[in-house]
Amino acid sequence: MKVRHLLPFLLLAFAACNPGPKGPPIDMECVVFQPGDKEILQQVFASCSADRKEPMQDLMVKVGEFFLGTPYVAHTLEKENEQLVINLRELDCTTFAENCLAISRTIKSGNHSFEQFASELMGIRYRDRVVSGYPSRLHYFCDWIHTNHQKGLIVDVSGEIAGTPFPRQVNFMSTHPASYRQLKEDTTLIEVIAQQEKAISAREMYHIPESRLREVETGLKDGDIVGITTDTEGLAISHVGILVRRSGRIHLLHASSLAEEVVLSEGTLEEYLRQSKTATGIMVARPL
């Protein structure tokens, strides 16, 4: 059962959920979570807080590995009204990566509180660090990388590593509104999303093609967040994970729909990409 509820009026919700330019403070009345989420967060802090001064990439891996075995569940963020949903009990590929980043940043901050974590997560998940309706969430992961690069939370190193342009026409949401409950229920949102897609598609994007991964693999780091690029029409990225090096090769730590839980890939990232029918390479976001 939820222990917090969204404020009943959108105007009040907008004001209360604005954490400010640096994140905190945040009004926890805006946040939806269960008691188990607080318990899990405290367990992560107990396991990882001693590593606060370790490099960010090492902390990201340790936090990510804490969630091994956590069930994969899709659509946990989809509520009737847009609100900050915290769910550490069930993860999809995107919420796994962004929760790991938010937790790692919280540990680094020295303020190991649930409120600080919620503020970090809001700053990562939402376009202007504010919950202000469905379009305020960063739905496309290529947009997530671009926006969080601008915020100074990550660095998009895809161009630096491989320098391979990745032009994409991003429009999957606006062309498949029936696949999204909010777009089905409020068709006025489709045009807002379409305008966002137009801006995303106009950007210069880069990726590391699957064919070049072995060549540039030494440029990848533990704890890098990767988006698996795709040739699926209307999308740029179809899956998300965290990189972990084992025996000199890069593997993928991710919430897997196939395994139905968070796993570390048995094969290398290169093998993972080759086994996919739609994957074309990766975009790389390096946490700061």
C-alpha atoms as a PDB file:
ATOM      1  CA  MET A   1       0.000   0.000   0.000  1.00  0.00           C
ATOM      2  CA  LYS A   2       1.271   3.473  -0.816  1.00  0.00           C
ATOM      3  CA  VAL A   3       2.253   5.550   2.187  1.00  0.00           C
ATOM      4  CA  ARG A   4       2.506   8.855   0.347  1.00  0.00           C
ATOM      5  CA  HIS A   5       0.101  10.413  -2.113  1.00  0.00           C
ATOM      6  CA  LEU A   6       0.250  13.008  -4.823  1.00  0.00           C
ATOM      7  CA  LEU A   7      -1.082  16.409  -3.804  1.00  0.00           C
ATOM      8  CA  PRO A   8      -4.589  16.758  -5.209  1.00  0.00           C
ATOM      9  CA  PHE A   9      -4.019  19.841  -7.303  1.00  0.00           C
ATOM     10  CA  LEU A  10      -1.494  19.966 -10.130  1.00  0.00           C
ATOM     11  CA  LEU A  11      -0.447  23.530  -9.320  1.00  0.00           C
ATOM     12  CA  LEU A  12       0.367  22.590  -5.759  1.00  0.00           C
ATOM     13  CA  ALA A  13       2.080  19.433  -6.959  1.00  0.00           C
ATOM     14  CA  PHE A  14       4.245  21.405  -9.370  1.00  0.00           C
ATOM     15  CA  ALA A  15       5.358  23.797  -6.630  1.00  0.00           C
ATOM     16  CA  ALA A  16       5.926  21.118  -4.032  1.00  0.00           C
ATOM     17  CA  CYS A  17       7.805  18.820  -6.368  1.00  0.00           C
ATOM     18  CA  ASN A  18      10.285  21.440  -7.535  1.00  0.00           C
ATOM     19  CA  PRO A  19      13.527  20.515  -5.736  1.00  0.00           C
ATOM     20  CA  GLY A  20      15.368  23.624  -6.939  1.00  0.00           C
ATOM     21  CA  PRO A  21      18.406  23.931  -9.229  1.00  0.00           C
ATOM     22  CA  LYS A  22      20.632  21.702  -7.075  1.00  0.00           C
ATOM     23  CA  GLY A  23      18.018  19.107  -6.162  1.00  0.00           C
ATOM     24  CA  PRO A  24      17.131  19.253  -2.438  1.00  0.00           C
ATOM     25  CA  PRO A  25      15.033  20.183  -0.546  1.00  0.00           C
ATOM     26  CA  ILE A  26      12.092  18.112  -1.743  1.00  0.00           C
ATOM     27  CA  ASP A  27       8.598  17.798  -0.279  1.00  0.00           C
ATOM     28  CA  MET A  28       8.132  14.090   0.358  1.00  0.00           C
ATOM     29  CA  GLU A  29       4.357  14.478   0.005  1.00  0.00           C
ATOM     30  CA  CYS A  30       5.039  14.359  -3.751  1.00  0.00           C
ATOM     31  CA  VAL A  31       6.773  10.997  -3.594  1.00  0.00           C
ATOM     32  CA  VAL A  32       5.137   7.577  -3.940  1.00  0.00           C
ATOM     33  CA  PHE A  33       6.928   4.660  -2.280  1.00  0.00           C
ATOM     34  CA  GLN A  34       6.431   1.728   0.060  1.00  0.00           C
ATOM     35  CA  PRO A  35       8.134   1.064   3.397  1.00  0.00           C
ATOM     36  CA  GLY A  36      10.213  -1.662   1.747  1.00  0.00           C
ATOM     37  CA  ASP A  37      11.862   0.921  -0.499  1.00  0.00           C
ATOM     38  CA  LYS A  38      13.224   2.787   2.522  1.00  0.00           C
ATOM     39  CA  GLU A  39      14.438  -0.491   3.995  1.00  0.00           C
ATOM     40  CA  ILE A  40      16.243  -1.453   0.790  1.00  0.00           C
ATOM     41  CA  LEU A  41      17.869   1.970   0.531  1.00  0.00           C
ATOM     42  CA  GLN A  42      19.162   1.700   4.093  1.00  0.00           C
ATOM     43  CA  GLN A  43      20.583  -1.725   3.243  1.00  0.00           C
ATOM     44  CA  VAL A  44      22.411  -0.258   0.231  1.00  0.00           C
ATOM     45  CA  PHE A  45      23.788   2.545   2.403  1.00  0.00           C
ATOM     46  CA  ALA A  46      24.972   0.021   5.000  1.00  0.00           C
ATOM     47  CA  SER A  47      26.672  -2.020   2.267  1.00  0.00           C
ATOM     48  CA  CYS A  48      28.192   0.791   0.220  1.00  0.00           C
ATOM     49  CA  SER A  49      28.567   3.970   2.286  1.00  0.00           C
ATOM     50  CA  ALA A  50      32.089   3.053   3.368  1.00  0.00           C
ATOM     51  CA  ASP A  51      33.032   3.404  -0.311  1.00  0.00           C
ATOM     52  CA  ARG A  52      31.973   7.054  -0.457  1.00  0.00           C
ATOM     53  CA  LYS A  53      35.495   8.208  -1.355  1.00  0.00           C
ATOM     54  CA  GLU A  54      36.033   5.520  -3.977  1.00  0.00           C
ATOM     55  CA  PRO A  55      35.869   6.548  -7.669  1.00  0.00           C
ATOM     56  CA  MET A  56      32.321   7.015  -8.912  1.00  0.00           C
ATOM     57  CA  GLN A  57      32.644   4.162 -11.405  1.00  0.00           C
ATOM     58  CA  ASP A  58      33.561   1.693  -8.646  1.00  0.00           C
ATOM     59  CA  LEU A  59      30.662   2.860  -6.497  1.00  0.00           C
ATOM     60  CA  MET A  60      28.253   2.475  -9.414  1.00  0.00           C
ATOM     61  CA  VAL A  61      29.298  -1.146  -9.866  1.00  0.00           C
ATOM     62  CA  LYS A  62      29.003  -1.945  -6.161  1.00  0.00           C
ATOM     63  CA  VAL A  63      25.548  -0.375  -5.936  1.00  0.00           C
ATOM     64  CA  GLY A  64      24.475  -2.129  -9.138  1.00  0.00           C
ATOM     65  CA  GLU A  65      25.652  -5.511  -7.881  1.00  0.00           C
ATOM     66  CA  PHE A  66      23.647  -5.018  -4.684  1.00  0.00           C
ATOM     67  CA  PHE A  67      20.508  -5.327  -6.830  1.00  0.00           C
ATOM     68  CA  LEU A  68      21.473  -8.654  -8.465  1.00  0.00           C
ATOM     69  CA  GLY A  69      18.414 -10.893  -8.347  1.00  0.00           C
ATOM     70  CA  THR A  70      15.932  -8.032  -7.986  1.00  0.00           C
ATOM     71  CA  PRO A  71      12.830  -8.851 -10.057  1.00  0.00           C
ATOM     72  CA  TYR A  72      12.372  -7.238 -13.459  1.00  0.00           C
ATOM     73  CA  VAL A  73       9.010  -5.457 -13.656  1.00  0.00           C
ATOM     74  CA  ALA A  74       8.054  -3.063 -16.443  1.00  0.00           C
ATOM     75  CA  HIS A  75       5.876   0.068 -16.266  1.00  0.00           C
ATOM     76  CA  THR A  76       6.337   0.734 -12.547  1.00  0.00           C
ATOM     77  CA  LEU A  77       6.380   4.507 -13.192  1.00  0.00           C
ATOM     78  CA  GLU A  78       3.059   4.640 -15.018  1.00  0.00           C
ATOM     79  CA  LYS A  79       0.548   6.234 -12.644  1.00  0.00           C
ATOM     80  CA  GLU A  80      -2.681   8.088 -13.349  1.00  0.00           C
ATOM     81  CA  ASN A  81      -1.003  11.385 -12.453  1.00  0.00           C
ATOM     82  CA  GLU A  82       2.719  11.882 -13.047  1.00  0.00           C
ATOM     83  CA  GLN A  83       4.595  11.750  -9.751  1.00  0.00           C
ATOM     84  CA  LEU A  84       7.991  10.704  -8.452  1.00  0.00           C
ATOM     85  CA  VAL A  85       7.744   6.933  -8.062  1.00  0.00           C
ATOM     86  CA  ILE A  86      10.426   5.214  -6.000  1.00  0.00           C
ATOM     87  CA  ASN A  87      10.417   1.436  -6.384  1.00  0.00           C
ATOM     88  CA  LEU A  88      13.611  -0.385  -5.406  1.00  0.00           C
ATOM     89  CA  ARG A  89      11.772  -3.706  -5.069  1.00  0.00           C
ATOM     90  CA  GLU A  90      11.074  -4.043  -8.805  1.00  0.00           C
ATOM     91  CA  LEU A  91      13.211  -2.643 -11.610  1.00  0.00           C
ATOM     92  CA  ASP A  92      13.260  -2.300 -15.369  1.00  0.00           C
ATOM     93  CA  CYS A  93      16.408  -1.519 -17.343  1.00  0.00           C
ATOM     94  CA  THR A  94      16.030   2.254 -17.107  1.00  0.00           C
ATOM     95  CA  THR A  95      14.938   2.484 -13.484  1.00  0.00           C
ATOM     96  CA  PHE A  96      17.802   0.157 -12.544  1.00  0.00           C
ATOM     97  CA  ALA A  97      20.389   2.474 -14.102  1.00  0.00           C
ATOM     98  CA  GLU A  98      18.923   5.721 -12.819  1.00  0.00           C
ATOM     99  CA  ASN A  99      18.376   4.374  -9.295  1.00  0.00           C
ATOM    100  CA  CYS A 100      21.997   3.218  -9.193  1.00  0.00           C
ATOM    101  CA  LEU A 101      23.135   6.672 -10.286  1.00  0.00           C
ATOM    102  CA  ALA A 102      20.873   8.421  -7.763  1.00  0.00           C
ATOM    103  CA  ILE A 103      22.029   6.159  -4.921  1.00  0.00           C
ATOM    104  CA  SER A 104      25.694   6.574  -5.842  1.00  0.00           C
ATOM    105  CA  ARG A 105      25.297  10.354  -5.940  1.00  0.00           C
ATOM    106  CA  THR A 106      23.521  10.270  -2.589  1.00  0.00           C
ATOM    107  CA  ILE A 107      26.361   8.273  -1.050  1.00  0.00           C
ATOM    108  CA  LYS A 108      28.904  10.679  -2.521  1.00  0.00           C
ATOM    109  CA  SER A 109      26.973  13.656  -1.092  1.00  0.00           C
ATOM    110  CA  GLY A 110      27.466  12.450   2.483  1.00  0.00           C
ATOM    111  CA  ASN A 111      23.752  13.013   3.203  1.00  0.00           C
ATOM    112  CA  HIS A 112      22.568   9.424   3.391  1.00  0.00           C
ATOM    113  CA  SER A 113      18.855  10.116   3.728  1.00  0.00           C
ATOM    114  CA  PHE A 114      15.809   8.961   1.821  1.00  0.00           C
ATOM    115  CA  GLU A 115      14.964  12.603   1.091  1.00  0.00           C
ATOM    116  CA  GLN A 116      18.365  13.246  -0.483  1.00  0.00           C
ATOM    117  CA  PHE A 117      18.005  10.129  -2.625  1.00  0.00           C
ATOM    118  CA  ALA A 118      14.521  11.210  -3.763  1.00  0.00           C
ATOM    119  CA  SER A 119      15.891  14.615  -4.741  1.00  0.00           C
ATOM    120  CA  GLU A 120      18.760  13.051  -6.701  1.00  0.00           C
ATOM    121  CA  LEU A 121      16.366  10.699  -8.480  1.00  0.00           C
ATOM    122  CA  MET A 122      14.005  13.521  -9.424  1.00  0.00           C
ATOM    123  CA  GLY A 123      16.914  15.535 -10.799  1.00  0.00           C
ATOM    124  CA  ILE A 124      17.968  12.594 -12.959  1.00  0.00           C
ATOM    125  CA  ARG A 125      14.562  11.399 -14.173  1.00  0.00           C
ATOM    126  CA  TYR A 126      12.900  14.703 -15.040  1.00  0.00           C
ATOM    127  CA  ARG A 127      13.766  17.183 -17.759  1.00  0.00           C
ATOM    128  CA  ASP A 128      13.967  20.292 -15.569  1.00  0.00           C
ATOM    129  CA  ARG A 129      14.361  18.494 -12.206  1.00  0.00           C
ATOM    130  CA  VAL A 130      10.627  19.055 -11.754  1.00  0.00           C
ATOM    131  CA  VAL A 131       7.601  16.750 -11.951  1.00  0.00           C
ATOM    132  CA  SER A 132       5.209  18.764 -14.096  1.00  0.00           C
ATOM    133  CA  GLY A 133       3.187  16.212 -16.010  1.00  0.00           C
ATOM    134  CA  TYR A 134       3.896  13.229 -18.211  1.00  0.00           C
ATOM    135  CA  PRO A 135       6.064  15.071 -20.792  1.00  0.00           C
ATOM    136  CA  SER A 136       8.411  16.311 -18.050  1.00  0.00           C
ATOM    137  CA  ARG A 137       9.835  12.788 -17.675  1.00  0.00           C
ATOM    138  CA  LEU A 138      12.780  11.817 -19.896  1.00  0.00           C
ATOM    139  CA  HIS A 139      11.102   8.995 -21.816  1.00  0.00           C
ATOM    140  CA  TYR A 140      13.780   8.419 -24.507  1.00  0.00           C
ATOM    141  CA  PHE A 141      17.123   7.283 -23.125  1.00  0.00           C
ATOM    142  CA  CYS A 142      19.066   9.184 -25.789  1.00  0.00           C
ATOM    143  CA  ASP A 143      17.306  12.287 -24.443  1.00  0.00           C
ATOM    144  CA  TRP A 144      18.114  11.129 -20.892  1.00  0.00           C
ATOM    145  CA  ILE A 145      21.816  11.037 -21.810  1.00  0.00           C
ATOM    146  CA  HIS A 146      21.734  14.415 -23.553  1.00  0.00           C
ATOM    147  CA  THR A 147      19.825  16.167 -20.757  1.00  0.00           C
ATOM    148  CA  ASN A 148      21.813  14.706 -17.879  1.00  0.00           C
ATOM    149  CA  HIS A 149      25.019  15.601 -19.742  1.00  0.00           C
ATOM    150  CA  GLN A 150      23.782  19.189 -19.822  1.00  0.00           C
ATOM    151  CA  LYS A 151      22.992  19.032 -16.100  1.00  0.00           C
ATOM    152  CA  GLY A 152      26.547  17.876 -15.355  1.00  0.00           C
ATOM    153  CA  LEU A 153      25.438  14.542 -13.889  1.00  0.00           C
ATOM    154  CA  ILE A 154      27.043  12.391 -16.601  1.00  0.00           C
ATOM    155  CA  VAL A 155      29.286  12.886 -19.626  1.00  0.00           C
ATOM    156  CA  ASP A 156      28.266  11.529 -23.013  1.00  0.00           C
ATOM    157  CA  VAL A 157      31.555   9.987 -24.165  1.00  0.00           C
ATOM    158  CA  SER A 158      30.166   8.158 -27.224  1.00  0.00           C
ATOM    159  CA  GLY A 159      31.643  10.616 -29.715  1.00  0.00           C
ATOM    160  CA  GLU A 160      34.957  10.800 -27.881  1.00  0.00           C
ATOM    161  CA  ILE A 161      35.412   7.033 -27.917  1.00  0.00           C
ATOM    162  CA  ALA A 162      34.340   6.197 -31.460  1.00  0.00           C
ATOM    163  CA  GLY A 163      33.290   9.390 -33.236  1.00  0.00           C
ATOM    164  CA  THR A 164      30.644   7.575 -35.261  1.00  0.00           C
ATOM    165  CA  PRO A 165      27.568   9.686 -36.087  1.00  0.00           C
ATOM    166  CA  PHE A 166      24.234   8.107 -35.200  1.00  0.00           C
ATOM    167  CA  PRO A 167      21.457  10.072 -36.925  1.00  0.00           C
ATOM    168  CA  ARG A 168      18.018   8.850 -35.900  1.00  0.00           C
ATOM    169  CA  GLN A 169      14.440   9.907 -36.491  1.00  0.00           C
ATOM    170  CA  VAL A 170      12.954   9.497 -33.019  1.00  0.00           C
ATOM    171  CA  ASN A 171       9.147   9.344 -33.051  1.00  0.00           C
ATOM    172  CA  PHE A 172       8.039   6.000 -31.626  1.00  0.00           C
ATOM    173  CA  MET A 173       5.808   7.416 -28.875  1.00  0.00           C
ATOM    174  CA  SER A 174       3.881   9.850 -31.041  1.00  0.00           C
ATOM    175  CA  THR A 175       3.432   7.271 -33.804  1.00  0.00           C
ATOM    176  CA  HIS A 176       2.366   4.514 -31.372  1.00  0.00           C
ATOM    177  CA  PRO A 177       0.184   6.381 -28.854  1.00  0.00           C
ATOM    178  CA  ALA A 178      -1.950   3.308 -28.216  1.00  0.00           C
ATOM    179  CA  SER A 179       1.089   1.723 -26.541  1.00  0.00           C
ATOM    180  CA  TYR A 180       1.123   4.423 -23.831  1.00  0.00           C
ATOM    181  CA  ARG A 181      -1.775   4.734 -21.415  1.00  0.00           C
ATOM    182  CA  GLN A 182      -1.257   8.450 -20.843  1.00  0.00           C
ATOM    183  CA  LEU A 183      -1.263   9.206 -24.575  1.00  0.00           C
ATOM    184  CA  LYS A 184      -4.398   7.125 -25.081  1.00  0.00           C
ATOM    185  CA  GLU A 185      -6.201   8.891 -22.257  1.00  0.00           C
ATOM    186  CA  ASP A 186      -5.063  12.434 -23.129  1.00  0.00           C
ATOM    187  CA  THR A 187      -4.432  12.856 -26.850  1.00  0.00           C
ATOM    188  CA  THR A 188      -3.405  16.497 -26.339  1.00  0.00           C
ATOM    189  CA  LEU A 189      -0.096  15.157 -24.991  1.00  0.00           C
ATOM    190  CA  ILE A 190       0.794  13.559 -28.325  1.00  0.00           C
ATOM    191  CA  GLU A 191       1.721  16.875 -29.936  1.00  0.00           C
ATOM    192  CA  VAL A 192       3.846  17.845 -26.908  1.00  0.00           C
ATOM    193  CA  ILE A 193       5.718  14.562 -27.166  1.00  0.00           C
ATOM    194  CA  ALA A 194       6.042  15.005 -30.948  1.00  0.00           C
ATOM    195  CA  GLN A 195       7.710  18.380 -30.458  1.00  0.00           C
ATOM    196  CA  GLN A 196      10.171  16.834 -28.019  1.00  0.00           C
ATOM    197  CA  GLU A 197      10.885  14.070 -30.537  1.00  0.00           C
ATOM    198  CA  LYS A 198      11.544  16.654 -33.230  1.00  0.00           C
ATOM    199  CA  ALA A 199      14.131  18.354 -31.023  1.00  0.00           C
ATOM    200  CA  ILE A 200      15.779  15.022 -30.175  1.00  0.00           C
ATOM    201  CA  SER A 201      15.949  13.996 -33.842  1.00  0.00           C
ATOM    202  CA  ALA A 202      17.626  17.297 -34.785  1.00  0.00           C
ATOM    203  CA  ARG A 203      20.551  16.689 -32.417  1.00  0.00           C
ATOM    204  CA  GLU A 204      23.914  15.356 -33.472  1.00  0.00           C
ATOM    205  CA  MET A 205      24.236  11.961 -31.797  1.00  0.00           C
ATOM    206  CA  TYR A 206      27.095   9.465 -31.753  1.00  0.00           C
ATOM    207  CA  HIS A 207      27.377   5.811 -30.868  1.00  0.00           C
ATOM    208  CA  ILE A 208      29.906   2.998 -30.821  1.00  0.00           C
ATOM    209  CA  PRO A 209      28.931   0.518 -33.540  1.00  0.00           C
ATOM    210  CA  GLU A 210      28.894  -3.152 -32.628  1.00  0.00           C
ATOM    211  CA  SER A 211      31.574  -3.756 -35.279  1.00  0.00           C
ATOM    212  CA  ARG A 212      33.984  -1.384 -33.499  1.00  0.00           C
ATOM    213  CA  LEU A 213      33.342  -2.425 -29.916  1.00  0.00           C
ATOM    214  CA  ARG A 214      36.360  -4.752 -29.569  1.00  0.00           C
ATOM    215  CA  GLU A 215      38.596  -2.066 -31.103  1.00  0.00           C
ATOM    216  CA  VAL A 216      37.619   0.630 -28.584  1.00  0.00           C
ATOM    217  CA  GLU A 217      36.745  -1.533 -25.571  1.00  0.00           C
ATOM    218  CA  THR A 218      39.709  -0.239 -23.557  1.00  0.00           C
ATOM    219  CA  GLY A 219      38.036   3.185 -23.623  1.00  0.00           C
ATOM    220  CA  LEU A 220      35.036   1.838 -21.705  1.00  0.00           C
ATOM    221  CA  LYS A 221      35.038   1.957 -17.905  1.00  0.00           C
ATOM    222  CA  ASP A 222      33.425   0.034 -15.080  1.00  0.00           C
ATOM    223  CA  GLY A 223      30.289   1.867 -14.008  1.00  0.00           C
ATOM    224  CA  ASP A 224      29.613   3.452 -17.396  1.00  0.00           C
ATOM    225  CA  ILE A 225      25.901   3.553 -18.181  1.00  0.00           C
ATOM    226  CA  VAL A 226      25.172   2.328 -21.691  1.00  0.00           C
ATOM    227  CA  GLY A 227      22.185   2.565 -23.966  1.00  0.00           C
ATOM    228  CA  ILE A 228      21.961  -0.250 -26.496  1.00  0.00           C
ATOM    229  CA  THR A 229      21.329   1.442 -29.833  1.00  0.00           C
ATOM    230  CA  THR A 230      18.789  -0.104 -32.159  1.00  0.00           C
ATOM    231  CA  ASP A 231      17.616  -0.160 -35.754  1.00  0.00           C
ATOM    232  CA  THR A 232      13.985  -0.285 -34.607  1.00  0.00           C
ATOM    233  CA  GLU A 233      12.133   2.470 -36.457  1.00  0.00           C
ATOM    234  CA  GLY A 234      11.381   5.482 -34.283  1.00  0.00           C
ATOM    235  CA  LEU A 235      13.847   4.592 -31.526  1.00  0.00           C
ATOM    236  CA  ALA A 236      17.515   5.285 -30.853  1.00  0.00           C
ATOM    237  CA  ILE A 237      17.997   3.138 -27.729  1.00  0.00           C
ATOM    238  CA  SER A 238      16.122  -0.016 -26.784  1.00  0.00           C
ATOM    239  CA  HIS A 239      17.877  -1.224 -23.617  1.00  0.00           C
ATOM    240  CA  VAL A 240      20.028   0.130 -20.784  1.00  0.00           C
ATOM    241  CA  GLY A 241      22.664  -1.296 -18.451  1.00  0.00           C
ATOM    242  CA  ILE A 242      25.862  -0.695 -16.494  1.00  0.00           C
ATOM    243  CA  LEU A 243      29.280  -1.897 -17.644  1.00  0.00           C
ATOM    244  CA  VAL A 244      31.398  -4.248 -15.531  1.00  0.00           C
ATOM    245  CA  ARG A 245      34.821  -5.559 -16.526  1.00  0.00           C
ATOM    246  CA  ARG A 246      35.526  -9.223 -15.801  1.00  0.00           C
ATOM    247  CA  SER A 247      38.766 -10.986 -16.817  1.00  0.00           C
ATOM    248  CA  GLY A 248      39.667  -8.014 -18.993  1.00  0.00           C
ATOM    249  CA  ARG A 249      36.387  -7.951 -20.982  1.00  0.00           C
ATOM    250  CA  ILE A 250      33.302  -5.796 -20.609  1.00  0.00           C
ATOM    251  CA  HIS A 251      30.032  -7.387 -19.472  1.00  0.00           C
ATOM    252  CA  LEU A 252      26.540  -5.924 -19.002  1.00  0.00           C
ATOM    253  CA  LEU A 253      24.901  -5.546 -15.572  1.00  0.00           C
ATOM    254  CA  HIS A 254      21.222  -4.962 -16.287  1.00  0.00           C
ATOM    255  CA  ALA A 255      17.596  -5.614 -15.444  1.00  0.00           C
ATOM    256  CA  SER A 256      16.793  -8.302 -17.980  1.00  0.00           C
ATOM    257  CA  SER A 257      13.251  -8.978 -19.179  1.00  0.00           C
ATOM    258  CA  LEU A 258      14.433 -12.384 -20.440  1.00  0.00           C
ATOM    259  CA  ALA A 259      15.962 -13.439 -17.108  1.00  0.00           C
ATOM    260  CA  GLU A 260      13.180 -11.567 -15.258  1.00  0.00           C
ATOM    261  CA  GLU A 261      15.701 -10.106 -12.805  1.00  0.00           C
ATOM    262  CA  VAL A 262      18.869  -8.032 -12.517  1.00  0.00           C
ATOM    263  CA  VAL A 263      21.785 -10.076 -13.847  1.00  0.00           C
ATOM    264  CA  LEU A 264      25.375  -9.773 -14.992  1.00  0.00           C
ATOM    265  CA  SER A 265      25.621 -11.129 -18.517  1.00  0.00           C
ATOM    266  CA  GLU A 266      27.521 -14.406 -18.753  1.00  0.00           C
ATOM    267  CA  GLY A 267      28.940 -13.439 -22.118  1.00  0.00           C
ATOM    268  CA  THR A 268      30.737 -10.241 -22.992  1.00  0.00           C
ATOM    269  CA  LEU A 269      28.928  -7.098 -24.087  1.00  0.00           C
ATOM    270  CA  GLU A 270      30.181  -7.796 -27.613  1.00  0.00           C
ATOM    271  CA  GLU A 271      28.552 -11.239 -27.531  1.00  0.00           C
ATOM    272  CA  TYR A 272      25.373  -9.760 -26.076  1.00  0.00           C
ATOM    273  CA  LEU A 273      25.086  -7.315 -28.969  1.00  0.00           C
ATOM    274  CA  ARG A 274      25.776  -9.981 -31.576  1.00  0.00           C
ATOM    275  CA  GLN A 275      22.976 -12.143 -30.194  1.00  0.00           C
ATOM    276  CA  SER A 276      20.450  -9.333 -30.525  1.00  0.00           C
ATOM    277  CA  LYS A 277      18.489  -9.006 -33.775  1.00  0.00           C
ATOM    278  CA  THR A 278      18.010  -5.237 -33.418  1.00  0.00           C
ATOM    279  CA  ALA A 279      21.077  -3.951 -31.530  1.00  0.00           C
ATOM    280  CA  THR A 280      23.519  -1.820 -33.514  1.00  0.00           C
ATOM    281  CA  GLY A 281      25.930  -0.621 -30.841  1.00  0.00           C
ATOM    282  CA  ILE A 282      26.019   1.491 -27.674  1.00  0.00           C
ATOM    283  CA  MET A 283      25.846   5.066 -26.432  1.00  0.00           C
ATOM    284  CA  VAL A 284      27.917   5.662 -23.292  1.00  0.00           C
ATOM    285  CA  ALA A 285      27.078   7.923 -20.340  1.00  0.00           C
ATOM    286  CA  ARG A 286      29.890   8.271 -17.786  1.00  0.00           C
ATOM    287  CA  PRO A 287      28.657   9.178 -14.268  1.00  0.00           C
ATOM    288  CA  LEU A 288      30.298  12.150 -12.566  1.00  0.00           C
END
